[in-house]
PDB file of N, CA and C in Angstrom:
ATOM      1  N   MET A   1      60.448 100.702 175.025  1.00  0.00           N
ATOM      2  CA  MET A   1      61.218 101.850 174.585  1.00  0.00           C
ATOM      3  C   MET A   1      60.752 103.066 175.367  1.00  0.00           C
ATOM      4  N   ALA A   2      61.692 103.866 175.803  1.00  0.00           N
ATOM      5  CA  ALA A   2      61.412 105.077 176.573  1.00  0.00           C
ATOM      6  C   ALA A   2      60.866 106.163 175.631  1.00  0.00           C
ATOM      7  N   GLY A   3      60.166 107.119 176.211  1.00  0.00           N
ATOM      8  CA  GLY A   3      59.629 108.243 175.464  1.00  0.00           C
ATOM      9  C   GLY A   3      60.695 109.248 175.086  1.00  0.00           C
ATOM     10  N   LEU A   4      61.853 109.133 175.694  1.00  0.00           N
ATOM     11  CA  LEU A   4      62.971 110.033 175.393  1.00  0.00           C
ATOM     12  C   LEU A   4      64.259 109.246 175.534  1.00  0.00           C
ATOM     13  N   GLU A   5      65.102 109.368 174.541  1.00  0.00           N
ATOM     14  CA  GLU A   5      66.418 108.710 174.601  1.00  0.00           C
ATOM     15  C   GLU A   5      67.458 109.695 174.099  1.00  0.00           C
ATOM     16  N   VAL A   6      68.534 109.832 174.816  1.00  0.00           N
ATOM     17  CA  VAL A   6      69.628 110.727 174.451  1.00  0.00           C
ATOM     18  C   VAL A   6      70.912 109.914 174.432  1.00  0.00           C
ATOM     19  N   ARG A   7      71.709 110.097 173.403  1.00  0.00           N
ATOM     20  CA  ARG A   7      72.982 109.382 173.286  1.00  0.00           C
ATOM     21  C   ARG A   7      74.096 110.404 173.076  1.00  0.00           C
ATOM     22  N   ASP A   8      75.297 110.012 173.453  1.00  0.00           N
ATOM     23  CA  ASP A   8      76.478 110.850 173.329  1.00  0.00           C
ATOM     24  C   ASP A   8      77.440 110.202 172.351  1.00  0.00           C
ATOM     25  N   PHE A   9      77.958 110.990 171.418  1.00  0.00           N
ATOM     26  CA  PHE A   9      78.904 110.434 170.431  1.00  0.00           C
ATOM     27  C   PHE A   9      80.254 110.074 171.046  1.00  0.00           C
ATOM     28  N   SER A  10      80.480 110.415 172.313  1.00  0.00           N
ATOM     29  CA  SER A  10      81.738 109.983 172.951  1.00  0.00           C
ATOM     30  C   SER A  10      81.719 108.485 173.252  1.00  0.00           C
ATOM     31  N   ALA A  11      80.531 107.861 173.172  1.00  0.00           N
ATOM     32  CA  ALA A  11      80.423 106.419 173.369  1.00  0.00           C
ATOM     33  C   ALA A  11      79.539 105.835 172.242  1.00  0.00           C
ATOM     34  N   PRO A  12      80.049 105.849 170.989  1.00  0.00           N
ATOM     35  CA  PRO A  12      79.253 105.376 169.865  1.00  0.00           C
ATOM     36  C   PRO A  12      79.064 103.877 169.905  1.00  0.00           C
ATOM     37  N   ASP A  13      77.994 103.412 169.216  1.00  0.00           N
ATOM     38  CA  ASP A  13      77.772 101.973 169.067  1.00  0.00           C
ATOM     39  C   ASP A  13      78.770 101.342 168.115  1.00  0.00           C
ATOM     40  N   GLU A  14      79.242 102.135 167.168  1.00  0.00           N
ATOM     41  CA  GLU A  14      80.168 101.623 166.149  1.00  0.00           C
ATOM     42  C   GLU A  14      81.022 102.786 165.654  1.00  0.00           C
ATOM     43  N   THR A  15      82.276 102.495 165.325  1.00  0.00           N
ATOM     44  CA  THR A  15      83.159 103.446 164.696  1.00  0.00           C
ATOM     45  C   THR A  15      83.799 102.777 163.482  1.00  0.00           C
ATOM     46  N   ARG A  16      83.776 103.490 162.357  1.00  0.00           N
ATOM     47  CA  ARG A  16      84.453 103.033 161.141  1.00  0.00           C
ATOM     48  C   ARG A  16      85.535 104.037 160.822  1.00  0.00           C
ATOM     49  N   ALA A  17      86.705 103.546 160.373  1.00  0.00           N
ATOM     50  CA  ALA A  17      87.824 104.456 160.173  1.00  0.00           C
ATOM     51  C   ALA A  17      88.639 104.107 158.934  1.00  0.00           C
ATOM     52  N   PRO A  18      88.031 104.208 157.724  1.00  0.00           N
ATOM     53  CA  PRO A  18      88.836 104.092 156.520  1.00  0.00           C
ATOM     54  C   PRO A  18      89.840 105.251 156.447  1.00  0.00           C
ATOM     55  N   ASP A  19      90.715 105.261 155.474  1.00  0.00           N
ATOM     56  CA  ASP A  19      91.733 106.275 155.300  1.00  0.00           C
ATOM     57  C   ASP A  19      91.144 107.694 155.400  1.00  0.00           C
ATOM     58  N   LYS A  20      91.727 108.518 156.284  1.00  0.00           N
ATOM     59  CA  LYS A  20      91.361 109.925 156.474  1.00  0.00           C
ATOM     60  C   LYS A  20      89.901 110.133 156.825  1.00  0.00           C
ATOM     61  N   THR A  21      89.260 109.092 157.357  1.00  0.00           N
ATOM     62  CA  THR A  21      87.815 109.134 157.642  1.00  0.00           C
ATOM     63  C   THR A  21      87.544 108.577 159.029  1.00  0.00           C
ATOM     64  N   LYS A  22      86.580 109.148 159.730  1.00  0.00           N
ATOM     65  CA  LYS A  22      86.064 108.572 160.967  1.00  0.00           C
ATOM     66  C   LYS A  22      84.563 108.732 160.966  1.00  0.00           C
ATOM     67  N   VAL A  23      83.855 107.625 161.164  1.00  0.00           N
ATOM     68  CA  VAL A  23      82.395 107.616 161.204  1.00  0.00           C
ATOM     69  C   VAL A  23      81.993 107.004 162.532  1.00  0.00           C
ATOM     70  N   ASP A  24      81.404 107.818 163.413  1.00  0.00           N
ATOM     71  CA  ASP A  24      80.883 107.341 164.692  1.00  0.00           C
ATOM     72  C   ASP A  24      79.358 107.227 164.548  1.00  0.00           C
ATOM     73  N   ILE A  25      78.815 106.067 164.965  1.00  0.00           N
ATOM     74  CA  ILE A  25      77.384 105.811 164.797  1.00  0.00           C
ATOM     75  C   ILE A  25      76.741 105.541 166.144  1.00  0.00           C
ATOM     76  N   VAL A  26      75.601 106.210 166.374  1.00  0.00           N
ATOM     77  CA  VAL A  26      74.758 105.908 167.531  1.00  0.00           C
ATOM     78  C   VAL A  26      73.399 105.451 167.020  1.00  0.00           C
ATOM     79  N   ARG A  27      72.875 104.448 167.699  1.00  0.00           N
ATOM     80  CA  ARG A  27      71.565 103.885 167.331  1.00  0.00           C
ATOM     81  C   ARG A  27      70.626 104.011 168.524  1.00  0.00           C
ATOM     82  N   MET A  28      69.422 104.488 168.260  1.00  0.00           N
ATOM     83  CA  MET A  28      68.444 104.646 169.334  1.00  0.00           C
ATOM     84  C   MET A  28      67.050 104.764 168.739  1.00  0.00           C
ATOM     85  N   GLY A  29      66.092 104.155 169.407  1.00  0.00           N
ATOM     86  CA  GLY A  29      64.705 104.263 168.998  1.00  0.00           C
ATOM     87  C   GLY A  29      64.439 103.909 167.548  1.00  0.00           C
ATOM     88  N   GLY A  30      65.203 102.979 166.993  1.00  0.00           N
ATOM     89  CA  GLY A  30      65.024 102.599 165.597  1.00  0.00           C
ATOM     90  C   GLY A  30      65.706 103.528 164.617  1.00  0.00           C
ATOM     91  N   ALA A  31      66.400 104.536 165.100  1.00  0.00           N
ATOM     92  CA  ALA A  31      67.107 105.488 164.237  1.00  0.00           C
ATOM     93  C   ALA A  31      68.614 105.289 164.351  1.00  0.00           C
ATOM     94  N   SER A  32      69.322 105.676 163.308  1.00  0.00           N
ATOM     95  CA  SER A  32      70.783 105.646 163.311  1.00  0.00           C
ATOM     96  C   SER A  32      71.257 107.034 162.892  1.00  0.00           C
ATOM     97  N   VAL A  33      72.228 107.568 163.630  1.00  0.00           N
ATOM     98  CA  VAL A  33      72.801 108.874 163.317  1.00  0.00           C
ATOM     99  C   VAL A  33      74.308 108.720 163.299  1.00  0.00           C
ATOM    100  N   ALA A  34      74.967 109.389 162.354  1.00  0.00           N
ATOM    101  CA  ALA A  34      76.421 109.295 162.264  1.00  0.00           C
ATOM    102  C   ALA A  34      77.062 110.672 162.359  1.00  0.00           C
ATOM    103  N   ARG A  35      78.185 110.722 163.068  1.00  0.00           N
ATOM    104  CA  ARG A  35      79.051 111.893 163.022  1.00  0.00           C
ATOM    105  C   ARG A  35      80.202 111.487 162.113  1.00  0.00           C
ATOM    106  N   MET A  36      80.380 112.246 161.033  1.00  0.00           N
ATOM    107  CA  MET A  36      81.405 111.912 160.040  1.00  0.00           C
ATOM    108  C   MET A  36      82.490 112.997 160.057  1.00  0.00           C
ATOM    109  N   SER A  37      83.737 112.544 160.047  1.00  0.00           N
ATOM    110  CA  SER A  37      84.874 113.445 159.992  1.00  0.00           C
ATOM    111  C   SER A  37      85.788 113.009 158.850  1.00  0.00           C
ATOM    112  N   MET A  38      86.140 113.960 158.011  1.00  0.00           N
ATOM    113  CA  MET A  38      87.057 113.686 156.905  1.00  0.00           C
ATOM    114  C   MET A  38      88.212 114.694 156.989  1.00  0.00           C
ATOM    115  N   GLN A  39      89.419 114.204 156.913  1.00  0.00           N
ATOM    116  CA  GLN A  39      90.616 115.032 157.048  1.00  0.00           C
ATOM    117  C   GLN A  39      90.976 115.699 155.721  1.00  0.00           C
ATOM    118  N   PRO A  40      91.747 116.800 155.812  1.00  0.00           N
ATOM    119  CA  PRO A  40      92.257 117.411 154.568  1.00  0.00           C
ATOM    120  C   PRO A  40      92.949 116.353 153.715  1.00  0.00           C
ATOM    121  N   GLY A  41      92.730 116.426 152.407  1.00  0.00           N
ATOM    122  CA  GLY A  41      93.271 115.438 151.492  1.00  0.00           C
ATOM    123  C   GLY A  41      92.321 114.274 151.248  1.00  0.00           C
ATOM    124  N   TRP A  42      91.195 114.220 152.003  1.00  0.00           N
ATOM    125  CA  TRP A  42      90.211 113.149 151.832  1.00  0.00           C
ATOM    126  C   TRP A  42      89.525 113.306 150.482  1.00  0.00           C
ATOM    127  N   ARG A  43      89.373 112.214 149.787  1.00  0.00           N
ATOM    128  CA  ARG A  43      88.628 112.172 148.527  1.00  0.00           C
ATOM    129  C   ARG A  43      87.910 110.829 148.506  1.00  0.00           C
ATOM    130  N   TRP A  44      86.612 110.839 148.156  1.00  0.00           N
ATOM    131  CA  TRP A  44      85.828 109.608 148.181  1.00  0.00           C
ATOM    132  C   TRP A  44      86.489 108.509 147.370  1.00  0.00           C
ATOM    133  N   SER A  45      86.918 108.838 146.147  1.00  0.00           N
ATOM    134  CA  SER A  45      87.490 107.815 145.249  1.00  0.00           C
ATOM    135  C   SER A  45      88.787 107.209 145.770  1.00  0.00           C
ATOM    136  N   GLU A  46      89.480 107.915 146.648  1.00  0.00           N
ATOM    137  CA  GLU A  46      90.739 107.390 147.202  1.00  0.00           C
ATOM    138  C   GLU A  46      90.552 106.738 148.562  1.00  0.00           C
ATOM    139  N   CYS A  47      89.625 107.248 149.368  1.00  0.00           N
ATOM    140  CA  CYS A  47      89.504 106.790 150.764  1.00  0.00           C
ATOM    141  C   CYS A  47      88.344 105.828 150.998  1.00  0.00           C
ATOM    142  N   ILE A  48      87.249 105.980 150.273  1.00  0.00           N
ATOM    143  CA  ILE A  48      86.063 105.160 150.509  1.00  0.00           C
ATOM    144  C   ILE A  48      85.814 104.146 149.385  1.00  0.00           C
ATOM    145  N   LYS A  49      86.143 104.519 148.162  1.00  0.00           N
ATOM    146  CA  LYS A  49      85.921 103.595 147.029  1.00  0.00           C
ATOM    147  C   LYS A  49      86.505 102.207 147.271  1.00  0.00           C
ATOM    148  N   PRO A  50      87.727 102.111 147.828  1.00  0.00           N
ATOM    149  CA  PRO A  50      88.265 100.751 148.085  1.00  0.00           C
ATOM    150  C   PRO A  50      87.412  99.921 149.047  1.00  0.00           C
ATOM    151  N   VAL A  51      86.687 100.582 149.936  1.00  0.00           N
ATOM    152  CA  VAL A  51      85.806  99.900 150.882  1.00  0.00           C
ATOM    153  C   VAL A  51      84.456  99.627 150.239  1.00  0.00           C
ATOM    154  N   ALA A  52      83.923 100.614 149.497  1.00  0.00           N
ATOM    155  CA  ALA A  52      82.591 100.518 148.898  1.00  0.00           C
ATOM    156  C   ALA A  52      82.576  99.596 147.694  1.00  0.00           C
ATOM    157  N   GLY A  53      83.636  99.625 146.891  1.00  0.00           N
ATOM    158  CA  GLY A  53      83.695  98.778 145.729  1.00  0.00           C
ATOM    159  C   GLY A  53      82.838  99.216 144.567  1.00  0.00           C
ATOM    160  N   THR A  54      82.419 100.477 144.547  1.00  0.00           N
ATOM    161  CA  THR A  54      81.626 101.020 143.449  1.00  0.00           C
ATOM    162  C   THR A  54      82.415 102.153 142.782  1.00  0.00           C
ATOM    163  N   ASP A  55      82.046 102.509 141.549  1.00  0.00           N
ATOM    164  CA  ASP A  55      82.771 103.566 140.831  1.00  0.00           C
ATOM    165  C   ASP A  55      82.483 104.959 141.380  1.00  0.00           C
ATOM    166  N   SER A  56      81.314 105.147 141.965  1.00  0.00           N
ATOM    167  CA  SER A  56      80.964 106.415 142.606  1.00  0.00           C
ATOM    168  C   SER A  56      80.194 106.093 143.878  1.00  0.00           C
ATOM    169  N   CYS A  57      80.008 107.074 144.737  1.00  0.00           N
ATOM    170  CA  CYS A  57      79.263 106.842 145.964  1.00  0.00           C
ATOM    171  C   CYS A  57      77.797 106.613 145.637  1.00  0.00           C
ATOM    172  N   GLN A  58      77.271 105.490 146.077  1.00  0.00           N
ATOM    173  CA  GLN A  58      75.894 105.103 145.785  1.00  0.00           C
ATOM    174  C   GLN A  58      74.987 105.251 147.009  1.00  0.00           C
ATOM    175  N   VAL A  59      75.400 106.100 147.945  1.00  0.00           N
ATOM    176  CA  VAL A  59      74.642 106.310 149.176  1.00  0.00           C
ATOM    177  C   VAL A  59      73.826 107.616 149.059  1.00  0.00           C
ATOM    178  N   HIS A  60      72.619 107.621 149.591  1.00  0.00           N
ATOM    179  CA  HIS A  60      71.759 108.806 149.670  1.00  0.00           C
ATOM    180  C   HIS A  60      72.062 109.481 151.006  1.00  0.00           C
ATOM    181  N   HIS A  61      72.612 110.687 150.948  1.00  0.00           N
ATOM    182  CA  HIS A  61      73.026 111.405 152.157  1.00  0.00           C
ATOM    183  C   HIS A  61      72.033 112.514 152.518  1.00  0.00           C
ATOM    184  N   VAL A  62      71.706 112.631 153.799  1.00  0.00           N
ATOM    185  CA  VAL A  62      70.936 113.744 154.333  1.00  0.00           C
ATOM    186  C   VAL A  62      71.657 114.168 155.599  1.00  0.00           C
ATOM    187  N   GLY A  63      72.114 115.407 155.645  1.00  0.00           N
ATOM    188  CA  GLY A  63      72.865 115.821 156.807  1.00  0.00           C
ATOM    189  C   GLY A  63      73.083 117.310 156.907  1.00  0.00           C
ATOM    190  N   VAL A  64      74.020 117.648 157.770  1.00  0.00           N
ATOM    191  CA  VAL A  64      74.406 119.045 158.003  1.00  0.00           C
ATOM    192  C   VAL A  64      75.901 119.072 158.336  1.00  0.00           C
ATOM    193  N   LEU A  65      76.619 120.051 157.794  1.00  0.00           N
ATOM    194  CA  LEU A  65      78.043 120.194 158.108  1.00  0.00           C
ATOM    195  C   LEU A  65      78.228 121.183 159.234  1.00  0.00           C
ATOM    196  N   LEU A  66      79.122 120.845 160.152  1.00  0.00           N
ATOM    197  CA  LEU A  66      79.462 121.736 161.257  1.00  0.00           C
ATOM    198  C   LEU A  66      80.702 122.552 160.953  1.00  0.00           C
ATOM    199  N   SER A  67      81.636 121.953 160.181  1.00  0.00           N
ATOM    200  CA  SER A  67      82.884 122.647 159.895  1.00  0.00           C
ATOM    201  C   SER A  67      83.461 122.133 158.589  1.00  0.00           C
ATOM    202  N   GLY A  68      84.331 122.958 158.002  1.00  0.00           N
ATOM    203  CA  GLY A  68      85.021 122.570 156.776  1.00  0.00           C
ATOM    204  C   GLY A  68      84.165 122.783 155.548  1.00  0.00           C
ATOM    205  N   THR A  69      84.751 122.413 154.396  1.00  0.00           N
ATOM    206  CA  THR A  69      84.074 122.524 153.116  1.00  0.00           C
ATOM    207  C   THR A  69      84.234 121.235 152.345  1.00  0.00           C
ATOM    208  N   LEU A  70      83.124 120.727 151.834  1.00  0.00           N
ATOM    209  CA  LEU A  70      83.105 119.505 151.063  1.00  0.00           C
ATOM    210  C   LEU A  70      82.603 119.852 149.668  1.00  0.00           C
ATOM    211  N   HIS A  71      83.363 119.468 148.634  1.00  0.00           N
ATOM    212  CA  HIS A  71      82.924 119.684 147.251  1.00  0.00           C
ATOM    213  C   HIS A  71      82.333 118.387 146.749  1.00  0.00           C
ATOM    214  N   VAL A  72      81.138 118.463 146.168  1.00  0.00           N
ATOM    215  CA  VAL A  72      80.462 117.290 145.621  1.00  0.00           C
ATOM    216  C   VAL A  72      80.252 117.470 144.148  1.00  0.00           C
ATOM    217  N   ALA A  73      80.656 116.454 143.380  1.00  0.00           N
ATOM    218  CA  ALA A  73      80.456 116.428 141.919  1.00  0.00           C
ATOM    219  C   ALA A  73      79.550 115.247 141.611  1.00  0.00           C
ATOM    220  N   HIS A  74      78.343 115.524 141.124  1.00  0.00           N
ATOM    221  CA  HIS A  74      77.367 114.479 140.853  1.00  0.00           C
ATOM    222  C   HIS A  74      77.477 114.007 139.400  1.00  0.00           C
ATOM    223  N   GLU A  75      77.133 112.755 139.158  1.00  0.00           N
ATOM    224  CA  GLU A  75      77.165 112.200 137.818  1.00  0.00           C
ATOM    225  C   GLU A  75      76.264 112.934 136.831  1.00  0.00           C
ATOM    226  N   ASP A  76      75.247 113.662 137.346  1.00  0.00           N
ATOM    227  CA  ASP A  76      74.346 114.399 136.463  1.00  0.00           C
ATOM    228  C   ASP A  76      74.940 115.725 136.004  1.00  0.00           C
ATOM    229  N   GLY A  77      76.190 116.007 136.437  1.00  0.00           N
ATOM    230  CA  GLY A  77      76.885 117.221 136.021  1.00  0.00           C
ATOM    231  C   GLY A  77      76.809 118.374 137.026  1.00  0.00           C
ATOM    232  N   THR A  78      75.975 118.264 138.049  1.00  0.00           N
ATOM    233  CA  THR A  78      75.916 119.314 139.054  1.00  0.00           C
ATOM    234  C   THR A  78      77.084 119.167 140.025  1.00  0.00           C
ATOM    235  N   GLU A  79      77.611 120.328 140.449  1.00  0.00           N
ATOM    236  CA  GLU A  79      78.691 120.379 141.438  1.00  0.00           C
ATOM    237  C   GLU A  79      78.429 121.515 142.384  1.00  0.00           C
ATOM    238  N   GLN A  80      78.817 121.342 143.642  1.00  0.00           N
ATOM    239  CA  GLN A  80      78.616 122.404 144.612  1.00  0.00           C
ATOM    240  C   GLN A  80      79.493 122.174 145.828  1.00  0.00           C
ATOM    241  N   ASP A  81      79.911 123.272 146.456  1.00  0.00           N
ATOM    242  CA  ASP A  81      80.566 123.215 147.740  1.00  0.00           C
ATOM    243  C   ASP A  81      79.491 123.200 148.835  1.00  0.00           C
ATOM    244  N   ILE A  82      79.702 122.386 149.851  1.00  0.00           N
ATOM    245  CA  ILE A  82      78.853 122.380 151.035  1.00  0.00           C
ATOM    246  C   ILE A  82      79.733 122.877 152.172  1.00  0.00           C
ATOM    247  N   GLY A  83      79.289 123.909 152.871  1.00  0.00           N
ATOM    248  CA  GLY A  83      80.085 124.500 153.937  1.00  0.00           C
ATOM    249  C   GLY A  83      79.433 124.397 155.300  1.00  0.00           C
ATOM    250  N   ALA A  84      80.156 124.851 156.301  1.00  0.00           N
ATOM    251  CA  ALA A  84      79.666 124.830 157.682  1.00  0.00           C
ATOM    252  C   ALA A  84      78.299 125.529 157.772  1.00  0.00           C
ATOM    253  N   GLY A  85      77.362 124.862 158.429  1.00  0.00           N
ATOM    254  CA  GLY A  85      76.032 125.398 158.602  1.00  0.00           C
ATOM    255  C   GLY A  85      75.051 125.007 157.502  1.00  0.00           C
ATOM    256  N   ASN A  86      75.560 124.369 156.436  1.00  0.00           N
ATOM    257  CA  ASN A  86      74.687 123.955 155.330  1.00  0.00           C
ATOM    258  C   ASN A  86      74.069 122.590 155.598  1.00  0.00           C
ATOM    259  N   ALA A  87      72.754 122.494 155.387  1.00  0.00           N
ATOM    260  CA  ALA A  87      72.074 121.218 155.350  1.00  0.00           C
ATOM    261  C   ALA A  87      72.111 120.740 153.910  1.00  0.00           C
ATOM    262  N   TYR A  88      72.088 119.425 153.689  1.00  0.00           N
ATOM    263  CA  TYR A  88      72.216 118.925 152.324  1.00  0.00           C
ATOM    264  C   TYR A  88      71.493 117.613 152.134  1.00  0.00           C
ATOM    265  N   VAL A  89      71.156 117.366 150.867  1.00  0.00           N
ATOM    266  CA  VAL A  89      70.716 116.045 150.378  1.00  0.00           C
ATOM    267  C   VAL A  89      71.575 115.772 149.166  1.00  0.00           C
ATOM    268  N   ILE A  90      72.249 114.632 149.173  1.00  0.00           N
ATOM    269  CA  ILE A  90      73.089 114.218 148.038  1.00  0.00           C
ATOM    270  C   ILE A  90      72.564 112.880 147.542  1.00  0.00           C
ATOM    271  N   GLU A  91      72.153 112.838 146.299  1.00  0.00           N
ATOM    272  CA  GLU A  91      71.626 111.609 145.720  1.00  0.00           C
ATOM    273  C   GLU A  91      72.776 110.659 145.359  1.00  0.00           C
ATOM    274  N   PRO A  92      72.501 109.368 145.256  1.00  0.00           N
ATOM    275  CA  PRO A  92      73.543 108.405 144.843  1.00  0.00           C
ATOM    276  C   PRO A  92      74.132 108.785 143.476  1.00  0.00           C
ATOM    277  N   GLY A  93      75.415 108.441 143.288  1.00  0.00           N
ATOM    278  CA  GLY A  93      76.109 108.705 142.026  1.00  0.00           C
ATOM    279  C   GLY A  93      76.939 109.968 142.093  1.00  0.00           C
ATOM    280  N   HIS A  94      77.863 110.043 143.047  1.00  0.00           N
ATOM    281  CA  HIS A  94      78.684 111.248 143.183  1.00  0.00           C
ATOM    282  C   HIS A  94      80.077 110.932 143.664  1.00  0.00           C
ATOM    283  N   GLU A  95      80.939 111.906 143.498  1.00  0.00           N
ATOM    284  CA  GLU A  95      82.313 111.934 144.006  1.00  0.00           C
ATOM    285  C   GLU A  95      82.354 113.142 144.928  1.00  0.00           C
ATOM    286  N   ALA A  96      83.220 113.128 145.924  1.00  0.00           N
ATOM    287  CA  ALA A  96      83.333 114.263 146.847  1.00  0.00           C
ATOM    288  C   ALA A  96      84.740 114.343 147.386  1.00  0.00           C
ATOM    289  N   TRP A  97      85.132 115.562 147.793  1.00  0.00           N
ATOM    290  CA  TRP A  97      86.449 115.739 148.394  1.00  0.00           C
ATOM    291  C   TRP A  97      86.455 116.933 149.325  1.00  0.00           C
ATOM    292  N   VAL A  98      87.380 116.914 150.296  1.00  0.00           N
ATOM    293  CA  VAL A  98      87.568 118.009 151.230  1.00  0.00           C
ATOM    294  C   VAL A  98      88.317 119.136 150.519  1.00  0.00           C
ATOM    295  N   VAL A  99      87.811 120.351 150.686  1.00  0.00           N
ATOM    296  CA  VAL A  99      88.439 121.533 150.110  1.00  0.00           C
ATOM    297  C   VAL A  99      89.223 122.244 151.204  1.00  0.00           C
ATOM    298  N   GLY A 100      90.483 122.526 150.957  1.00  0.00           N
ATOM    299  CA  GLY A 100      91.297 123.291 151.901  1.00  0.00           C
ATOM    300  C   GLY A 100      91.908 122.461 153.002  1.00  0.00           C
ATOM    301  N   ASP A 101      92.343 123.159 154.043  1.00  0.00           N
ATOM    302  CA  ASP A 101      93.112 122.556 155.126  1.00  0.00           C
ATOM    303  C   ASP A 101      92.315 122.286 156.396  1.00  0.00           C
ATOM    304  N   GLU A 102      91.023 122.537 156.380  1.00  0.00           N
ATOM    305  CA  GLU A 102      90.179 122.314 157.569  1.00  0.00           C
ATOM    306  C   GLU A 102      89.438 120.981 157.434  1.00  0.00           C
ATOM    307  N   PRO A 103      89.436 120.162 158.471  1.00  0.00           N
ATOM    308  CA  PRO A 103      88.659 118.930 158.427  1.00  0.00           C
ATOM    309  C   PRO A 103      87.170 119.214 158.234  1.00  0.00           C
ATOM    310  N   VAL A 104      86.485 118.307 157.597  1.00  0.00           N
ATOM    311  CA  VAL A 104      85.030 118.382 157.436  1.00  0.00           C
ATOM    312  C   VAL A 104      84.414 117.527 158.542  1.00  0.00           C
ATOM    313  N   VAL A 105      83.488 118.118 159.290  1.00  0.00           N
ATOM    314  CA  VAL A 105      82.759 117.395 160.330  1.00  0.00           C
ATOM    315  C   VAL A 105      81.279 117.674 160.121  1.00  0.00           C
ATOM    316  N   GLY A 106      80.489 116.601 160.107  1.00  0.00           N
ATOM    317  CA  GLY A 106      79.055 116.765 159.942  1.00  0.00           C
ATOM    318  C   GLY A 106      78.302 115.595 160.496  1.00  0.00           C
ATOM    319  N   TYR A 107      76.979 115.719 160.465  1.00  0.00           N
ATOM    320  CA  TYR A 107      76.089 114.680 160.948  1.00  0.00           C
ATOM    321  C   TYR A 107      75.212 114.200 159.820  1.00  0.00           C
ATOM    322  N   GLU A 108      74.977 112.900 159.750  1.00  0.00           N
ATOM    323  CA  GLU A 108      74.144 112.265 158.743  1.00  0.00           C
ATOM    324  C   GLU A 108      72.946 111.628 159.423  1.00  0.00           C
ATOM    325  N   PHE A 109      71.768 111.766 158.790  1.00  0.00           N
ATOM    326  CA  PHE A 109      70.522 111.326 159.415  1.00  0.00           C
ATOM    327  C   PHE A 109      69.751 110.253 158.616  1.00  0.00           C
ATOM    328  N   ASP A 110      70.169 109.960 157.392  1.00  0.00           N
ATOM    329  CA  ASP A 110      69.489 108.920 156.623  1.00  0.00           C
ATOM    330  C   ASP A 110      69.990 107.562 157.138  1.00  0.00           C
ATOM    331  N   ALA A 111      69.098 106.803 157.748  1.00  0.00           N
ATOM    332  CA  ALA A 111      69.505 105.546 158.405  1.00  0.00           C
ATOM    333  C   ALA A 111      70.177 104.590 157.438  1.00  0.00           C
ATOM    334  N   GLY A 112      69.700 104.528 156.209  1.00  0.00           N
ATOM    335  CA  GLY A 112      70.324 103.640 155.208  1.00  0.00           C
ATOM    336  C   GLY A 112      71.754 104.033 154.939  1.00  0.00           C
ATOM    337  N   ALA A 113      71.981 105.334 154.798  1.00  0.00           N
ATOM    338  CA  ALA A 113      73.345 105.840 154.561  1.00  0.00           C
ATOM    339  C   ALA A 113      74.231 105.568 155.782  1.00  0.00           C
ATOM    340  N   VAL A 114      73.704 105.842 156.943  1.00  0.00           N
ATOM    341  CA  VAL A 114      74.492 105.634 158.181  1.00  0.00           C
ATOM    342  C   VAL A 114      74.919 104.183 158.300  1.00  0.00           C
ATOM    343  N   GLU A 115      74.026 103.272 158.004  1.00  0.00           N
ATOM    344  CA  GLU A 115      74.321 101.850 158.187  1.00  0.00           C
ATOM    345  C   GLU A 115      75.235 101.297 157.094  1.00  0.00           C
ATOM    346  N   GLU A 116      75.285 101.931 155.932  1.00  0.00           N
ATOM    347  CA  GLU A 116      76.075 101.407 154.823  1.00  0.00           C
ATOM    348  C   GLU A 116      77.370 102.136 154.533  1.00  0.00           C
ATOM    349  N   TYR A 117      77.463 103.426 154.875  1.00  0.00           N
ATOM    350  CA  TYR A 117      78.618 104.231 154.464  1.00  0.00           C
ATOM    351  C   TYR A 117      79.915 103.753 155.099  1.00  0.00           C
ATOM    352  N   ALA A 118      80.931 103.547 154.271  1.00  0.00           N
ATOM    353  CA  ALA A 118      82.274 103.177 154.711  1.00  0.00           C
ATOM    354  C   ALA A 118      82.305 101.848 155.452  1.00  0.00           C
ATOM    355  N   LYS A 119      81.324 101.006 155.191  1.00  0.00           N
ATOM    356  CA  LYS A 119      81.255  99.716 155.868  1.00  0.00           C
ATOM    357  C   LYS A 119      82.025  98.679 155.054  1.00  0.00           C
ATOM    358  N   SER A 120      82.939  98.008 155.709  1.00  0.00           N
ATOM    359  CA  SER A 120      83.748  97.008 154.996  1.00  0.00           C
ATOM    360  C   SER A 120      83.129  95.637 155.124  1.00  0.00           C
TER     361      SER A 120
END
């Protein structure tokens, strides 16, 4: 393994594309990183639940949003909007949806989430 590795999302190792969703994944040096894009009208329960097969999202997310606004409602009763420039940690057990007319684009860094999210 090289001491430095750089990858470009224009040539991902894998792309997943459930309804209104695009997840590009690059793998390097034992790490996995995803660029996630969700279109206006995207809602986890409508677009990802059919693929995940669970009642709520059971993935642990760690990432940062570049654009758009994502609203997250957690089973513990907490809710919050995540906007461009916000870093976040979302624990398993949540619903989420795109707010407004701008697509949500962000990067995810939790390897477990990257490898499992939206995987059929």
